[in-house]
Amino acid sequence: MLISPFQKLIPQKEISELNNMAIRILITGGTIDKDYDKIQGQLVLTRSHIDQMIEQARCKLDIVVDSHMLKDSLYMDANDRTGILKKCQGLKEEIIVITHGTDTMVETATVLAENIQEKTIVLFGAMVPFSFGDSDALFNFGTALAAAQTLPYGVYLTMNGIVFPYDKVKKNKEEGHFESRE
C-alpha cells in the first residue's frame, strides 16, 4: 500500500505544532554521500553532503544534523543497526530523518519499527550520489522532510517521490527503484 497525498491520513501533528518541532537528521551513509575518488577510480565515503543539501534546498526548518556513521549499507551488520536504534531511542526529537544506503534500508527500518513507537522516522537515500549532477538525492530529501512532518508515528521510507510504510516496500534492483511489496 502506497501513501499518497490523496489518501486521508489521521492527523497526528497539528500545523501549529509543526512550526515548533525540531527535526533530527541522522546521517548513516550510503550512495547519497559518496564522492568519486579520481586517484582510486572508485566511489568513496569521506563526508556527508547534507549541509549542502539543506542550503541548496533553502530549507528553513529547525534541523539538527547528527553524523552517526558513514557506511555503505551493504557493509552494515546487526551491530550497526543496533547502534542506529539506540541512537534514535536516545534522541529527544520525535521526528527523525535518516540518510541510508538503499540496499539494506528496509532491514534497518524494520529494526527501528519493531522497537520504537512514539516517533516518526523516515529513511531515504539516493540511487545516484548527491555530488553527481543528476542525483535523485535532493528530491528524496525534500520528500522525506515533508513526510516526516505530516505522517503519524511510525517508520517509513521515501524514494522516487513515494512514501512507503517500512513493511510494504522493496528495492527493485533490476529497474533501480523502490516499489510496493504486497
C-alpha atoms as a PDB file:
ATOM      1  CA  MET A   1       0.000   0.000   0.000  1.00  0.00           C
ATOM      2  CA  LEU A   2       1.387   3.367  -1.008  1.00  0.00           C
ATOM      3  CA  ILE A   3       0.569   6.504   0.896  1.00  0.00           C
ATOM      4  CA  SER A   4      -0.450   9.218  -1.492  1.00  0.00           C
ATOM      5  CA  PRO A   5      -1.460  12.813  -0.816  1.00  0.00           C
ATOM      6  CA  PHE A   6      -4.967  11.862  -1.931  1.00  0.00           C
ATOM      7  CA  GLN A   7      -5.499   9.375   0.882  1.00  0.00           C
ATOM      8  CA  LYS A   8      -6.964  10.630   4.114  1.00  0.00           C
ATOM      9  CA  LEU A   9      -4.482  10.230   6.977  1.00  0.00           C
ATOM     10  CA  ILE A  10      -5.290  10.517  10.634  1.00  0.00           C
ATOM     11  CA  PRO A  11      -3.582  13.769  11.600  1.00  0.00           C
ATOM     12  CA  GLN A  12      -1.084  13.273  14.400  1.00  0.00           C
ATOM     13  CA  LYS A  13       0.512  16.684  14.279  1.00  0.00           C
ATOM     14  CA  GLU A  14      -1.327  19.975  14.111  1.00  0.00           C
ATOM     15  CA  ILE A  15       0.134  22.702  11.895  1.00  0.00           C
ATOM     16  CA  SER A  16       0.870  24.885  14.933  1.00  0.00           C
ATOM     17  CA  GLU A  17       2.853  22.004  16.451  1.00  0.00           C
ATOM     18  CA  LEU A  18       4.873  21.519  13.274  1.00  0.00           C
ATOM     19  CA  ASN A  19       6.220  25.052  13.410  1.00  0.00           C
ATOM     20  CA  ASN A  20       7.759  24.371  16.826  1.00  0.00           C
ATOM     21  CA  MET A  21       9.201  20.899  16.256  1.00  0.00           C
ATOM     22  CA  ALA A  22      12.856  20.236  15.551  1.00  0.00           C
ATOM     23  CA  ILE A  23      13.748  17.550  13.050  1.00  0.00           C
ATOM     24  CA  ARG A  24      16.786  15.396  13.706  1.00  0.00           C
ATOM     25  CA  ILE A  25      18.668  14.283  10.622  1.00  0.00           C
ATOM     26  CA  LEU A  26      20.729  11.199  11.360  1.00  0.00           C
ATOM     27  CA  ILE A  27      23.475  10.519   8.827  1.00  0.00           C
ATOM     28  CA  THR A  28      24.440   6.871   8.340  1.00  0.00           C
ATOM     29  CA  GLY A  29      25.981   6.890   4.870  1.00  0.00           C
ATOM     30  CA  GLY A  30      25.081   5.233   1.608  1.00  0.00           C
ATOM     31  CA  THR A  31      25.360   6.243  -2.022  1.00  0.00           C
ATOM     32  CA  ILE A  32      23.832   9.636  -1.254  1.00  0.00           C
ATOM     33  CA  ASP A  33      27.107  10.753   0.376  1.00  0.00           C
ATOM     34  CA  LYS A  34      29.580   9.088  -1.972  1.00  0.00           C
ATOM     35  CA  ASP A  35      32.154  11.009  -3.979  1.00  0.00           C
ATOM     36  CA  TYR A  36      34.247   9.854  -6.907  1.00  0.00           C
ATOM     37  CA  ASP A  37      37.911   9.426  -5.965  1.00  0.00           C
ATOM     38  CA  LYS A  38      39.857  10.107  -9.172  1.00  0.00           C
ATOM     39  CA  ILE A  39      43.061   8.551  -7.803  1.00  0.00           C
ATOM     40  CA  GLN A  40      41.444   5.264  -6.721  1.00  0.00           C
ATOM     41  CA  GLY A  41      38.911   5.326  -9.547  1.00  0.00           C
ATOM     42  CA  GLN A  42      36.013   4.426  -7.279  1.00  0.00           C
ATOM     43  CA  LEU A  43      33.192   5.832  -5.186  1.00  0.00           C
ATOM     44  CA  VAL A  44      34.154   6.577  -1.568  1.00  0.00           C
ATOM     45  CA  LEU A  45      32.512   7.815   1.610  1.00  0.00           C
ATOM     46  CA  THR A  46      34.530  10.590   3.232  1.00  0.00           C
ATOM     47  CA  ARG A  47      31.962  13.226   4.289  1.00  0.00           C
ATOM     48  CA  SER A  48      28.258  13.961   4.310  1.00  0.00           C
ATOM     49  CA  HIS A  49      26.638  16.338   1.849  1.00  0.00           C
ATOM     50  CA  ILE A  50      23.573  17.008   3.999  1.00  0.00           C
ATOM     51  CA  ASP A  51      24.598  20.594   4.869  1.00  0.00           C
ATOM     52  CA  GLN A  52      24.942  21.369   1.149  1.00  0.00           C
ATOM     53  CA  MET A  53      21.549  19.792   0.524  1.00  0.00           C
ATOM     54  CA  ILE A  54      19.913  21.877   3.262  1.00  0.00           C
ATOM     55  CA  GLU A  55      21.474  25.030   1.817  1.00  0.00           C
ATOM     56  CA  GLN A  56      20.630  24.202  -1.803  1.00  0.00           C
ATOM     57  CA  ALA A  57      17.021  23.426  -0.867  1.00  0.00           C
ATOM     58  CA  ARG A  58      16.837  26.756   1.034  1.00  0.00           C
ATOM     59  CA  CYS A  59      15.339  24.771   3.890  1.00  0.00           C
ATOM     60  CA  LYS A  60      14.169  26.893   6.824  1.00  0.00           C
ATOM     61  CA  LEU A  61      13.096  24.088   9.151  1.00  0.00           C
ATOM     62  CA  ASP A  62      14.538  23.705  12.635  1.00  0.00           C
ATOM     63  CA  ILE A  63      17.012  20.928  11.829  1.00  0.00           C
ATOM     64  CA  VAL A  64      19.635  19.270  14.000  1.00  0.00           C
ATOM     65  CA  VAL A  65      22.205  17.318  11.973  1.00  0.00           C
ATOM     66  CA  ASP A  66      23.833  14.321  13.616  1.00  0.00           C
ATOM     67  CA  SER A  67      26.559  12.364  11.833  1.00  0.00           C
ATOM     68  CA  HIS A  68      26.307   8.851  13.251  1.00  0.00           C
ATOM     69  CA  MET A  69      28.378   6.961  10.660  1.00  0.00           C
ATOM     70  CA  LEU A  70      29.366   6.985   7.000  1.00  0.00           C
ATOM     71  CA  LYS A  71      28.973   3.435   5.786  1.00  0.00           C
ATOM     72  CA  ASP A  72      27.819   1.683   2.646  1.00  0.00           C
ATOM     73  CA  SER A  73      24.684  -0.173   3.711  1.00  0.00           C
ATOM     74  CA  LEU A  74      25.946  -3.358   2.051  1.00  0.00           C
ATOM     75  CA  TYR A  75      28.512  -3.480   4.866  1.00  0.00           C
ATOM     76  CA  MET A  76      26.090  -2.728   7.709  1.00  0.00           C
ATOM     77  CA  ASP A  77      25.504  -5.523  10.160  1.00  0.00           C
ATOM     78  CA  ALA A  78      23.315  -6.174  13.203  1.00  0.00           C
ATOM     79  CA  ASN A  79      25.663  -4.123  15.417  1.00  0.00           C
ATOM     80  CA  ASP A  80      25.323  -1.116  13.090  1.00  0.00           C
ATOM     81  CA  ARG A  81      21.532  -1.414  13.120  1.00  0.00           C
ATOM     82  CA  THR A  82      21.510  -1.720  16.904  1.00  0.00           C
ATOM     83  CA  GLY A  83      23.640   1.426  17.078  1.00  0.00           C
ATOM     84  CA  ILE A  84      21.180   3.318  14.876  1.00  0.00           C
ATOM     85  CA  LEU A  85      18.297   2.020  17.006  1.00  0.00           C
ATOM     86  CA  LYS A  86      19.916   3.091  20.285  1.00  0.00           C
ATOM     87  CA  LYS A  87      20.746   6.487  18.812  1.00  0.00           C
ATOM     88  CA  CYS A  88      17.121   7.027  17.737  1.00  0.00           C
ATOM     89  CA  GLN A  89      15.775   5.834  21.091  1.00  0.00           C
ATOM     90  CA  GLY A  90      18.013   8.326  22.898  1.00  0.00           C
ATOM     91  CA  LEU A  91      17.024  11.351  20.831  1.00  0.00           C
ATOM     92  CA  LYS A  92      14.600  13.887  22.290  1.00  0.00           C
ATOM     93  CA  GLU A  93      13.150  14.722  18.864  1.00  0.00           C
ATOM     94  CA  GLU A  94      10.007  12.884  17.794  1.00  0.00           C
ATOM     95  CA  ILE A  95      10.765  13.474  14.116  1.00  0.00           C
ATOM     96  CA  ILE A  96      13.844  11.745  12.701  1.00  0.00           C
ATOM     97  CA  VAL A  97      15.002  11.640   9.092  1.00  0.00           C
ATOM     98  CA  ILE A  98      17.770   9.133   8.355  1.00  0.00           C
ATOM     99  CA  THR A  99      20.106   9.086   5.372  1.00  0.00           C
ATOM    100  CA  HIS A 100      20.773   5.465   4.487  1.00  0.00           C
ATOM    101  CA  GLY A 101      22.092   3.287   1.718  1.00  0.00           C
ATOM    102  CA  THR A 102      19.332   1.821  -0.411  1.00  0.00           C
ATOM    103  CA  ASP A 103      20.495  -1.807  -0.380  1.00  0.00           C
ATOM    104  CA  THR A 104      19.598  -2.528   3.253  1.00  0.00           C
ATOM    105  CA  MET A 105      17.335   0.396   4.123  1.00  0.00           C
ATOM    106  CA  VAL A 106      14.341  -1.905   4.653  1.00  0.00           C
ATOM    107  CA  GLU A 107      16.269  -4.060   7.144  1.00  0.00           C
ATOM    108  CA  THR A 108      17.225  -1.042   9.260  1.00  0.00           C
ATOM    109  CA  ALA A 109      13.672   0.332   9.057  1.00  0.00           C
ATOM    110  CA  THR A 110      12.336  -2.994  10.309  1.00  0.00           C
ATOM    111  CA  VAL A 111      14.625  -2.952  13.365  1.00  0.00           C
ATOM    112  CA  LEU A 112      13.505   0.598  14.158  1.00  0.00           C
ATOM    113  CA  ALA A 113       9.797  -0.149  13.687  1.00  0.00           C
ATOM    114  CA  GLU A 114       9.949  -3.204  15.945  1.00  0.00           C
ATOM    115  CA  ASN A 115      11.430  -1.158  18.793  1.00  0.00           C
ATOM    116  CA  ILE A 116      10.192   2.453  18.534  1.00  0.00           C
ATOM    117  CA  GLN A 117       6.558   3.541  18.658  1.00  0.00           C
ATOM    118  CA  GLU A 118       6.470   7.197  19.768  1.00  0.00           C
ATOM    119  CA  LYS A 119       8.395   8.785  16.891  1.00  0.00           C
ATOM    120  CA  THR A 120       8.006   9.436  13.195  1.00  0.00           C
ATOM    121  CA  ILE A 121      11.075   8.100  11.402  1.00  0.00           C
ATOM    122  CA  VAL A 122      11.670   8.441   7.668  1.00  0.00           C
ATOM    123  CA  LEU A 123      14.623   6.819   5.904  1.00  0.00           C
ATOM    124  CA  PHE A 124      15.773   7.975   2.496  1.00  0.00           C
ATOM    125  CA  GLY A 125      18.751   7.623   0.225  1.00  0.00           C
ATOM    126  CA  ALA A 126      19.731   8.044  -3.389  1.00  0.00           C
ATOM    127  CA  MET A 127      20.468   5.849  -6.352  1.00  0.00           C
ATOM    128  CA  VAL A 128      22.986   8.431  -7.615  1.00  0.00           C
ATOM    129  CA  PRO A 129      25.380  10.321  -5.281  1.00  0.00           C
ATOM    130  CA  PHE A 130      24.439  13.916  -4.429  1.00  0.00           C
ATOM    131  CA  SER A 131      27.853  15.022  -5.717  1.00  0.00           C
ATOM    132  CA  PHE A 132      26.810  13.958  -9.232  1.00  0.00           C
ATOM    133  CA  GLY A 133      24.748  16.486 -11.153  1.00  0.00           C
ATOM    134  CA  ASP A 134      21.826  14.208 -11.971  1.00  0.00           C
ATOM    135  CA  SER A 135      21.236  12.819  -8.490  1.00  0.00           C
ATOM    136  CA  ASP A 136      17.855  11.992  -7.023  1.00  0.00           C
ATOM    137  CA  ALA A 137      19.190  12.893  -3.556  1.00  0.00           C
ATOM    138  CA  LEU A 138      17.721  16.386  -3.177  1.00  0.00           C
ATOM    139  CA  PHE A 139      14.270  15.301  -4.345  1.00  0.00           C
ATOM    140  CA  ASN A 140      14.295  12.319  -1.973  1.00  0.00           C
ATOM    141  CA  PHE A 141      15.477  14.583   0.865  1.00  0.00           C
ATOM    142  CA  GLY A 142      12.628  17.033   0.318  1.00  0.00           C
ATOM    143  CA  THR A 143      10.108  14.216   0.183  1.00  0.00           C
ATOM    144  CA  ALA A 144      11.487  12.772   3.427  1.00  0.00           C
ATOM    145  CA  LEU A 145      11.280  16.124   5.235  1.00  0.00           C
ATOM    146  CA  ALA A 146       7.691  16.723   4.119  1.00  0.00           C
ATOM    147  CA  ALA A 147       6.634  13.178   5.007  1.00  0.00           C
ATOM    148  CA  ALA A 148       8.294  13.274   8.429  1.00  0.00           C
ATOM    149  CA  GLN A 149       6.427  16.441   9.368  1.00  0.00           C
ATOM    150  CA  THR A 150       2.996  15.185   8.431  1.00  0.00           C
ATOM    151  CA  LEU A 151       2.841  11.413   8.955  1.00  0.00           C
ATOM    152  CA  PRO A 152       1.668   9.778  12.171  1.00  0.00           C
ATOM    153  CA  TYR A 153       4.122   7.923  14.385  1.00  0.00           C
ATOM    154  CA  GLY A 154       5.746   5.047  12.537  1.00  0.00           C
ATOM    155  CA  VAL A 155       8.658   4.141  10.299  1.00  0.00           C
ATOM    156  CA  TYR A 156       8.620   4.951   6.596  1.00  0.00           C
ATOM    157  CA  LEU A 157      10.881   5.027   3.536  1.00  0.00           C
ATOM    158  CA  THR A 158      10.767   7.684   0.845  1.00  0.00           C
ATOM    159  CA  MET A 159      12.248   7.118  -2.566  1.00  0.00           C
ATOM    160  CA  ASN A 160      11.238   8.156  -6.060  1.00  0.00           C
ATOM    161  CA  GLY A 161       8.634  10.607  -4.725  1.00  0.00           C
ATOM    162  CA  ILE A 162       6.701   7.858  -2.943  1.00  0.00           C
ATOM    163  CA  VAL A 163       6.227   7.321   0.788  1.00  0.00           C
ATOM    164  CA  PHE A 164       6.201   3.650   1.770  1.00  0.00           C
ATOM    165  CA  PRO A 165       5.359   2.051   5.128  1.00  0.00           C
ATOM    166  CA  TYR A 166       8.530   0.194   6.168  1.00  0.00           C
ATOM    167  CA  ASP A 167       6.918  -3.234   5.814  1.00  0.00           C
ATOM    168  CA  LYS A 168       5.304  -2.650   2.416  1.00  0.00           C
ATOM    169  CA  VAL A 169       8.339  -1.812   0.286  1.00  0.00           C
ATOM    170  CA  LYS A 170      11.171  -3.498  -1.561  1.00  0.00           C
ATOM    171  CA  LYS A 171      14.027  -2.354  -3.746  1.00  0.00           C
ATOM    172  CA  ASN A 172      13.751  -3.460  -7.356  1.00  0.00           C
ATOM    173  CA  LYS A 173      17.456  -3.852  -8.127  1.00  0.00           C
ATOM    174  CA  GLU A 174      16.872  -4.706 -11.773  1.00  0.00           C
ATOM    175  CA  GLU A 175      14.998  -1.479 -12.507  1.00  0.00           C
ATOM    176  CA  GLY A 176      16.719   0.721  -9.910  1.00  0.00           C
ATOM    177  CA  HIS A 177      13.740   1.950  -7.906  1.00  0.00           C
ATOM    178  CA  PHE A 178      11.610   1.140  -4.882  1.00  0.00           C
ATOM    179  CA  GLU A 179       8.159  -0.383  -5.205  1.00  0.00           C
ATOM    180  CA  SER A 180       5.295  -1.659  -3.119  1.00  0.00           C
ATOM    181  CA  ARG A 181       5.598  -5.157  -1.666  1.00  0.00           C
ATOM    182  CA  GLU A 182       2.193  -6.695  -1.136  1.00  0.00           C
END
